[in-house]
């Protein structure tokens, strides 16, 4: 029966022996092993040293280098991490062009690489990057910066090394064995109450700068739909059906480094949705449309009729909210408010997820819907089933029975 061949990139038993030498010459040892190369052929590999142990150690290093570096490839275990990261970023840019990645996500990865990942890892060879090393790097980032930054850095390092594994430069991803990073728990979702909504709109309408920047109408649109700020700013008049009372949400506005503002598809296929508009929202949009809006224009344009930068609008909202009781309000609070209103109206998590553009209702429940509300329904159901089992009730004990374990 034929012997099983060695797996690709591995070697067999290492043997070492002393090489005959002339009198007076230092002793010399040679270690040898069979290595199965990436072309499928098995070859003899050897290394020498002044002792059997040193010869074996030299051969081990030679075999490990051979296992991670293909002679025919310029991308191997000897490639620097910085070069691998550059190749990885190039593939991500291609995915952005295909619509499979968000430009904002890629920009975030690029910042993480530049600020936190390349300084400690950039000059190392891929085969020099081990699990303990990455663990120390991520631990330092977590201690000196924050757990959330460490979590992002871990994702970036894993992405680069995973890319190296896919293209044969590494055999495994060292990040896989690193413990999960627990960031701070999410804050409980908070939306505006009815009184807070009245106070906030009063504050906006009494602020001439906020009125000039259409903040009351923009905020009302976001509350009436539950859309993200980027989705609201990407909405065109051609997306709005005033007669049918609906709006198509298909895109969002993001700023891409080197390109400026870009109108791109929503975060997921679930994000592309048609929403029914409340009557008050239709009336508000009719008033805006009557001022001379044209179909190609955004519903909430800048002063030149183009798209507005979400970052600038967030800044305008911060200025408008002031430093009083409503200083906690962000653009995302309007989305949470819409979700809370729908939840309190007893709509299902599925319907609310569809409104918000989530593919999973669990995401909606975990992030946007308030928890720990006191609801008597659960208590009523338990009461109905357990009433007769209450200790001390007539039906909960045996009629005429004595202490447990005693005979009548």
Protein backbone atom coordinates (compact mmCIF):
# COMPACT_ATOMS: atom_id res chain seq x y z
CA UNK A 1 0.00 0.00 0.00
CA UNK A 2 1.43 3.38 -1.06
CA UNK A 3 2.41 5.81 1.68
CA UNK A 4 0.27 8.95 2.05
CA UNK A 5 2.12 12.01 0.68
CA UNK A 6 2.93 14.88 2.98
CA UNK A 7 0.41 17.74 2.95
CA UNK A 8 1.45 20.71 0.83
CA UNK A 9 3.82 23.04 2.69
CA UNK A 10 4.79 20.52 5.41
CA UNK A 11 7.80 18.37 6.15
CA UNK A 12 8.59 14.99 7.58
CA UNK A 13 10.92 13.71 10.28
CA UNK A 14 14.09 15.74 10.84
CA UNK A 15 17.29 13.72 11.06
CA UNK A 16 20.74 15.06 11.92
CA UNK A 17 24.19 13.53 11.64
CA UNK A 18 27.79 14.60 12.01
CA UNK A 19 29.73 15.26 8.82
CA UNK A 20 33.22 13.73 8.64
CA UNK A 21 35.84 16.42 9.02
CA UNK A 22 39.59 16.68 8.80
CA UNK A 23 41.68 16.60 11.93
CA UNK A 24 41.74 19.96 13.65
CA UNK A 25 38.64 21.24 11.88
CA UNK A 26 35.53 22.17 13.94
CA UNK A 27 32.77 19.62 14.15
CA UNK A 28 29.91 20.11 11.70
CA UNK A 29 26.42 18.64 11.72
CA UNK A 30 23.81 18.48 8.97
CA UNK A 31 20.04 18.20 9.54
CA UNK A 32 17.78 17.00 6.72
CA UNK A 33 14.06 16.55 6.10
CA UNK A 34 11.70 15.95 3.18
CA UNK A 35 9.51 18.95 2.31
CA UNK A 36 6.47 18.84 0.01
CA UNK A 37 6.58 21.99 -2.10
CA UNK A 38 3.65 23.93 -3.48
CA UNK A 39 4.05 22.29 -6.88
CA UNK A 40 3.32 18.93 -5.22
CA UNK A 41 6.89 17.63 -5.45
CA UNK A 42 8.74 16.37 -2.39
CA UNK A 43 12.30 17.67 -2.04
CA UNK A 44 15.14 17.20 0.41
CA UNK A 45 15.96 20.30 2.47
CA UNK A 46 19.00 20.59 4.71
CA UNK A 47 20.82 22.99 7.03
CA UNK A 48 24.05 22.75 9.00
CA UNK A 49 25.37 23.83 12.38
CA UNK A 50 28.16 23.25 14.88
CA UNK A 51 25.98 20.91 16.91
CA UNK A 52 23.10 18.60 16.23
CA UNK A 53 20.70 20.97 18.04
CA UNK A 54 21.88 24.03 16.09
CA UNK A 55 21.59 22.17 12.80
CA UNK A 56 18.03 21.13 13.64
CA UNK A 57 17.13 24.68 14.70
CA UNK A 58 18.54 26.10 11.46
CA UNK A 59 16.57 23.56 9.44
CA UNK A 60 13.35 24.31 11.37
CA UNK A 61 13.69 28.01 10.54
CA UNK A 62 14.42 27.20 6.90
CA UNK A 63 11.40 24.90 6.62
CA UNK A 64 9.05 27.39 8.28
CA UNK A 65 10.19 30.12 5.90
CA UNK A 66 9.75 27.79 2.94
CA UNK A 67 6.24 26.90 4.14
CA UNK A 68 5.10 30.54 4.20
CA UNK A 69 6.98 31.89 1.18
CA UNK A 70 6.27 30.57 -2.29
CA UNK A 71 9.34 31.13 -4.48
CA UNK A 72 7.14 31.99 -7.47
CA UNK A 73 5.06 34.61 -5.62
CA UNK A 74 5.88 38.19 -4.65
CA UNK A 75 3.27 37.99 -1.88
CA UNK A 76 4.42 35.63 0.82
CA UNK A 77 5.46 35.34 4.43
CA UNK A 78 8.34 37.75 3.85
CA UNK A 79 6.01 40.50 2.66
CA UNK A 80 5.73 43.42 5.07
CA UNK A 81 2.43 43.93 6.85
CA UNK A 82 2.24 47.46 5.39
CA UNK A 83 2.44 46.09 1.84
CA UNK A 84 -0.24 43.50 2.59
CA UNK A 85 -2.44 46.23 4.08
CA UNK A 86 -2.03 48.29 0.92
CA UNK A 87 -3.14 45.35 -1.25
CA UNK A 88 -6.10 44.72 1.06
CA UNK A 89 -7.19 48.35 0.82
CA UNK A 90 -6.98 48.15 -2.99
CA UNK A 91 -9.42 45.22 -2.99
CA UNK A 92 -11.76 47.15 -0.68
CA UNK A 93 -11.72 50.12 -3.05
CA UNK A 94 -12.73 47.79 -5.89
CA UNK A 95 -15.58 46.54 -3.71
CA UNK A 96 -16.67 50.16 -3.13
CA UNK A 97 -16.75 50.67 -6.90
CA UNK A 98 -18.94 47.56 -7.22
CA UNK A 99 -21.25 48.76 -4.46
CA UNK A 100 -20.30 45.92 -2.11
CA UNK A 101 -18.67 48.15 0.50
CA UNK A 102 -19.53 51.54 1.90
CA UNK A 103 -17.01 54.34 1.19
CA UNK A 104 -17.40 55.46 4.78
CA UNK A 105 -16.44 52.02 6.08
CA UNK A 106 -13.31 51.94 3.92
CA UNK A 107 -12.34 55.44 5.07
CA UNK A 108 -12.71 54.26 8.68
CA UNK A 109 -10.45 51.27 7.99
CA UNK A 110 -7.88 53.55 6.38
CA UNK A 111 -7.83 55.83 9.45
CA UNK A 112 -7.48 52.83 11.76
CA UNK A 113 -4.54 51.55 9.73
CA UNK A 114 -2.79 54.91 9.62
CA UNK A 115 -3.34 55.91 13.24
CA UNK A 116 -3.29 52.67 15.24
CA UNK A 117 -2.29 49.56 13.26
CA UNK A 118 0.64 50.42 10.98
CA UNK A 119 2.78 52.15 13.66
CA UNK A 120 3.27 48.90 15.66
CA UNK A 121 2.93 46.33 12.84
CA UNK A 122 3.75 47.99 9.51
CA UNK A 123 7.44 47.05 9.29
CA UNK A 124 7.02 43.44 10.41
CA UNK A 125 7.04 40.53 7.95
CA UNK A 126 3.77 38.62 7.78
CA UNK A 127 5.36 35.45 9.14
CA UNK A 128 6.64 37.42 12.15
CA UNK A 129 3.13 38.38 13.25
CA UNK A 130 1.92 35.97 15.92
CA UNK A 131 -1.15 35.73 18.10
CA UNK A 132 0.70 36.92 21.26
CA UNK A 133 2.10 39.90 19.35
CA UNK A 134 -1.29 40.99 18.00
CA UNK A 135 -2.82 40.42 21.43
CA UNK A 136 -0.29 42.83 22.98
CA UNK A 137 -0.88 45.44 20.27
CA UNK A 138 -4.66 45.32 20.68
CA UNK A 139 -4.33 45.31 24.47
CA UNK A 140 -2.22 48.46 24.32
CA UNK A 141 -4.77 50.20 22.10
CA UNK A 142 -7.55 49.20 24.47
CA UNK A 143 -5.70 50.50 27.53
CA UNK A 144 -4.32 53.71 26.04
CA UNK A 145 -7.26 54.68 23.81
CA UNK A 146 -10.55 52.78 24.22
CA UNK A 147 -12.15 49.33 23.90
CA UNK A 148 -14.13 50.46 20.85
CA UNK A 149 -10.97 51.60 19.06
CA UNK A 150 -9.29 48.31 19.97
CA UNK A 151 -12.27 46.43 18.56
CA UNK A 152 -12.02 48.33 15.27
CA UNK A 153 -8.26 47.82 15.11
CA UNK A 154 -8.73 44.10 15.66
CA UNK A 155 -11.15 43.96 12.73
CA UNK A 156 -8.67 45.75 10.48
CA UNK A 157 -5.72 43.53 11.47
CA UNK A 158 -7.88 40.45 10.96
CA UNK A 159 -8.92 41.76 7.55
CA UNK A 160 -5.32 42.22 6.41
CA UNK A 161 -4.14 38.85 7.73
CA UNK A 162 -7.25 37.09 6.42
CA UNK A 163 -6.42 38.55 3.00
CA UNK A 164 -2.90 37.12 3.37
CA UNK A 165 -4.33 33.68 4.16
CA UNK A 166 -6.62 33.77 1.12
CA UNK A 167 -3.70 34.51 -1.19
CA UNK A 168 -1.35 31.96 0.32
CA UNK A 169 1.05 34.26 2.17
CA UNK A 170 0.01 32.80 5.54
CA UNK A 171 -1.41 29.45 6.58
CA UNK A 172 -3.71 30.79 9.31
CA UNK A 173 -4.97 34.07 10.73
CA UNK A 174 -3.33 34.81 14.13
CA UNK A 175 -6.22 37.09 15.12
CA UNK A 176 -8.66 34.15 15.26
CA UNK A 177 -7.39 33.04 18.67
CA UNK A 178 -7.63 36.46 20.33
CA UNK A 179 -10.36 36.92 22.92
CA UNK A 180 -13.44 38.88 22.03
CA UNK A 181 -13.27 42.54 23.03
CA UNK A 182 -16.20 43.64 25.14
CA UNK A 183 -16.94 47.29 24.52
CA UNK A 184 -19.04 49.38 26.88
CA UNK A 185 -22.71 48.36 26.92
CA UNK A 186 -24.92 50.33 24.59
CA UNK A 187 -26.89 53.10 26.16
CA UNK A 188 -30.58 52.39 26.49
CA UNK A 189 -32.43 53.79 23.47
CA UNK A 190 -33.85 57.22 24.18
CA UNK A 191 -36.40 59.02 22.09
CA UNK A 192 -38.18 62.30 22.55
CA UNK A 193 -41.34 62.24 24.65
CA UNK A 194 -44.43 64.12 23.50
CA UNK A 195 -43.56 67.10 25.73
CA UNK A 196 -39.94 67.05 24.59
CA UNK A 197 -41.03 67.06 20.94
CA UNK A 198 -43.16 70.14 21.54
CA UNK A 199 -40.28 71.87 23.34
CA UNK A 200 -37.76 70.93 20.66
CA UNK A 201 -39.91 72.16 17.76
CA UNK A 202 -40.65 75.37 19.64
CA UNK A 203 -36.91 75.86 20.07
CA UNK A 204 -36.26 75.21 16.36
CA UNK A 205 -39.04 77.45 15.05
CA UNK A 206 -37.97 80.34 17.30
CA UNK A 207 -34.37 80.09 16.05
CA UNK A 208 -33.98 82.16 12.83
CA UNK A 209 -30.80 80.31 11.85
CA UNK A 210 -32.50 76.92 12.28
CA UNK A 211 -35.47 78.11 10.19
CA UNK A 212 -33.18 79.43 7.46
CA UNK A 213 -31.51 76.01 7.29
CA UNK A 214 -34.86 74.17 7.11
CA UNK A 215 -34.19 72.30 10.34
CA UNK A 216 -37.84 72.22 11.53
CA UNK A 217 -38.97 70.60 8.26
CA UNK A 218 -36.00 68.22 8.08
CA UNK A 219 -36.50 67.06 11.68
CA UNK A 220 -40.23 66.60 11.09
CA UNK A 221 -39.52 64.49 7.98
CA UNK A 222 -37.11 62.29 9.94
CA UNK A 223 -39.62 61.84 12.76
CA UNK A 224 -42.42 61.07 10.30
CA UNK A 225 -40.40 58.40 8.48
CA UNK A 226 -37.73 57.12 10.88
CA UNK A 227 -35.06 57.48 8.18
CA UNK A 228 -31.39 58.13 8.86
CA UNK A 229 -30.06 61.64 8.36
CA UNK A 230 -28.06 60.58 5.28
CA UNK A 231 -31.19 58.99 3.79
CA UNK A 232 -33.24 62.14 4.40
CA UNK A 233 -30.61 64.33 2.74
CA UNK A 234 -30.39 61.94 -0.25
CA UNK A 235 -34.15 62.01 -0.92
CA UNK A 236 -34.98 63.66 -4.25
CA UNK A 237 -38.30 65.17 -5.25
CA UNK A 238 -38.51 62.42 -7.86
CA UNK A 239 -38.56 59.93 -4.94
CA UNK A 240 -41.67 61.57 -3.45
CA UNK A 241 -45.20 60.70 -4.56
CA UNK A 242 -47.37 63.42 -3.06
CA UNK A 243 -50.55 62.12 -4.71
CA UNK A 244 -49.95 58.55 -3.58
CA UNK A 245 -48.64 59.64 -0.19
CA UNK A 246 -45.35 57.75 -0.28
CA UNK A 247 -41.59 58.18 -0.53
CA UNK A 248 -38.94 55.87 -1.96
CA UNK A 249 -35.83 55.55 0.21
CA UNK A 250 -33.07 54.28 -2.07
CA UNK A 251 -29.89 56.14 -1.20
CA UNK A 252 -27.83 57.91 1.42
CA UNK A 253 -25.30 60.75 1.37
CA UNK A 254 -21.72 60.06 2.47
CA UNK A 255 -18.50 62.03 2.21
CA UNK A 256 -15.73 60.13 0.45
CA UNK A 257 -12.15 61.27 0.80
CA UNK A 258 -10.95 62.69 -2.50
CA UNK A 259 -14.45 62.72 -4.03
CA UNK A 260 -16.58 64.87 -1.75
CA UNK A 261 -20.27 64.12 -1.19
CA UNK A 262 -21.53 60.96 -2.87
CA UNK A 263 -25.11 59.70 -3.19
CA UNK A 264 -24.87 55.93 -2.84
CA UNK A 265 -27.17 53.00 -2.23
CA UNK A 266 -28.52 52.27 1.24
CA UNK A 267 -26.61 50.14 3.76
CA UNK A 268 -28.43 46.95 2.72
CA UNK A 269 -31.14 45.70 0.38
CA UNK A 270 -33.57 46.03 3.28
CA UNK A 271 -32.69 49.72 3.38
CA UNK A 272 -34.29 50.23 -0.03
CA UNK A 273 -37.93 50.70 0.89
CA UNK A 274 -41.09 52.59 0.07
CA UNK A 275 -42.70 54.29 3.05
CA UNK A 276 -46.22 55.61 3.46
CA UNK A 277 -46.19 59.20 4.68
CA UNK A 278 -48.37 60.60 7.46
CA UNK A 279 -50.85 63.20 6.21
CA UNK A 280 -49.06 65.98 8.12
CA UNK A 281 -45.78 65.05 6.39
CA UNK A 282 -47.48 65.17 2.98
CA UNK A 283 -48.85 68.63 3.80
CA UNK A 284 -45.39 69.82 4.85
CA UNK A 285 -43.85 68.49 1.62
CA UNK A 286 -46.59 70.09 -0.50
CA UNK A 287 -45.75 73.46 1.04
CA UNK A 288 -42.04 72.96 0.26
CA UNK A 289 -42.81 71.79 -3.27
CA UNK A 290 -44.94 74.90 -3.86
CA UNK A 291 -41.88 77.11 -3.31
CA UNK A 292 -40.49 76.07 -6.70
CA UNK A 293 -38.80 72.71 -6.10
CA UNK A 294 -37.81 70.74 -9.20
CA UNK A 295 -37.69 66.90 -9.50
CA UNK A 296 -33.90 66.55 -9.88
CA UNK A 297 -33.28 68.52 -6.70
CA UNK A 298 -32.97 67.10 -3.19
CA UNK A 299 -35.97 67.70 -0.95
CA UNK A 300 -33.62 69.36 1.56
CA UNK A 301 -30.90 71.01 -0.60
CA UNK A 302 -28.08 73.33 0.30
CA UNK A 303 -28.13 77.00 -0.73
CA UNK A 304 -26.94 76.09 -4.24
CA UNK A 305 -29.52 73.35 -4.74
CA UNK A 306 -27.09 70.48 -4.19
CA UNK A 307 -26.73 67.87 -1.48
CA UNK A 308 -26.06 68.87 2.11
CA UNK A 309 -23.25 67.33 4.14
CA UNK A 310 -24.64 65.18 7.00
CA UNK A 311 -21.76 66.29 9.22
CA UNK A 312 -22.66 69.95 8.70
CA UNK A 313 -26.33 69.28 9.41
CA UNK A 314 -25.42 67.47 12.63
CA UNK A 315 -23.40 70.52 13.65
CA UNK A 316 -26.36 72.79 12.86
CA UNK A 317 -28.59 70.59 15.04
CA UNK A 318 -26.08 70.75 17.90
CA UNK A 319 -26.06 74.53 17.68
CA UNK A 320 -29.85 74.67 17.57
CA UNK A 321 -30.47 72.34 20.51
CA UNK A 322 -28.31 74.47 22.81
CA UNK A 323 -27.02 73.40 26.22
CA UNK A 324 -30.27 73.06 28.12
CA UNK A 325 -32.54 70.11 28.85
CA UNK A 326 -32.46 68.97 25.21
CA UNK A 327 -28.69 69.03 24.80
CA UNK A 328 -28.68 65.21 24.55
CA UNK A 329 -30.71 65.19 21.31
CA UNK A 330 -28.88 63.93 18.21
CA UNK A 331 -30.09 63.24 14.68
CA UNK A 332 -30.43 59.57 15.58
CA UNK A 333 -32.80 60.44 18.43
CA UNK A 334 -35.46 61.20 15.82
CA UNK A 335 -35.10 57.69 14.41
CA UNK A 336 -35.38 56.21 17.91
CA UNK A 337 -38.40 58.40 18.58
CA UNK A 338 -40.18 57.10 15.47
CA UNK A 339 -39.41 53.51 16.48
CA UNK A 340 -40.74 54.12 20.00
CA UNK A 341 -43.96 55.69 18.70
CA UNK A 342 -44.57 52.66 16.47
CA UNK A 343 -43.72 50.27 19.32
CA UNK A 344 -46.15 51.99 21.68
CA UNK A 345 -48.81 51.72 18.95
CA UNK A 346 -48.36 47.92 19.21
CA UNK A 347 -46.87 47.45 15.74
CA UNK A 348 -44.87 44.25 15.36
CA UNK A 349 -41.06 44.26 15.41
CA UNK A 350 -41.15 43.10 11.78
CA UNK A 351 -43.19 46.12 10.65
CA UNK A 352 -40.99 48.51 12.63
CA UNK A 353 -37.86 46.91 11.15
CA UNK A 354 -39.29 47.38 7.65
CA UNK A 355 -39.98 51.04 8.41
CA UNK A 356 -36.42 51.61 9.66
CA UNK A 357 -34.81 49.57 6.89
CA UNK A 358 -33.44 46.77 9.07
CA UNK A 359 -33.05 43.28 7.64
CA UNK A 360 -33.44 41.69 11.10
CA UNK A 361 -36.19 42.59 13.59
CA UNK A 362 -33.78 41.57 16.38
CA UNK A 363 -31.58 44.54 15.45
CA UNK A 364 -34.58 46.83 15.82
CA UNK A 365 -35.53 45.35 19.17
CA UNK A 366 -32.01 45.41 20.62
CA UNK A 367 -31.03 48.91 19.54
CA UNK A 368 -34.11 51.02 18.93
CA UNK A 369 -36.96 49.74 21.06
CA UNK A 370 -37.10 50.64 24.73
CA UNK A 371 -36.87 47.74 27.16
CA UNK A 372 -38.02 47.14 30.74
CA UNK A 373 -41.43 48.76 30.29
CA UNK A 374 -43.93 47.54 32.86
CA UNK A 375 -46.62 45.56 31.06
CA UNK A 376 -49.37 43.68 32.87
CA UNK A 377 -49.95 41.18 30.04
CA UNK A 378 -47.23 38.82 31.26
CA UNK A 379 -48.50 38.98 34.84
CA UNK A 380 -52.10 38.38 33.69
CA UNK A 381 -51.09 35.28 31.75
CA UNK A 382 -49.11 33.86 34.67
CA UNK A 383 -51.94 34.65 37.09
CA UNK A 384 -54.45 32.79 34.94
CA UNK A 385 -52.31 29.67 34.83
CA UNK A 386 -50.97 29.67 38.41
CA UNK A 387 -53.86 31.00 40.51
CA UNK A 388 -54.91 27.54 41.68
CA UNK A 389 -51.34 26.63 42.63
CA UNK A 390 -50.85 29.44 45.15
CA UNK A 391 -49.57 28.03 48.46
CA UNK A 392 -52.38 28.06 51.01
CA UNK A 393 -55.16 28.08 48.44
CA UNK A 394 -57.79 25.36 48.73
CA UNK A 395 -57.05 23.88 45.29
CA UNK A 396 -53.31 24.09 45.80
CA UNK A 397 -53.33 21.51 48.63
CA UNK A 398 -54.82 18.07 49.02
CA UNK A 399 -58.21 18.20 50.64
CA UNK A 400 -58.22 16.43 53.98
CA UNK A 401 -54.50 15.68 53.75
CA UNK A 402 -52.04 15.96 56.65
CA UNK A 403 -48.37 16.88 56.81
CA UNK A 404 -46.30 15.50 53.97
CA UNK A 405 -45.12 11.99 54.66
CA UNK A 406 -47.92 11.19 57.17
CA UNK A 407 -50.69 8.69 56.58
CA UNK A 408 -54.32 9.64 57.22
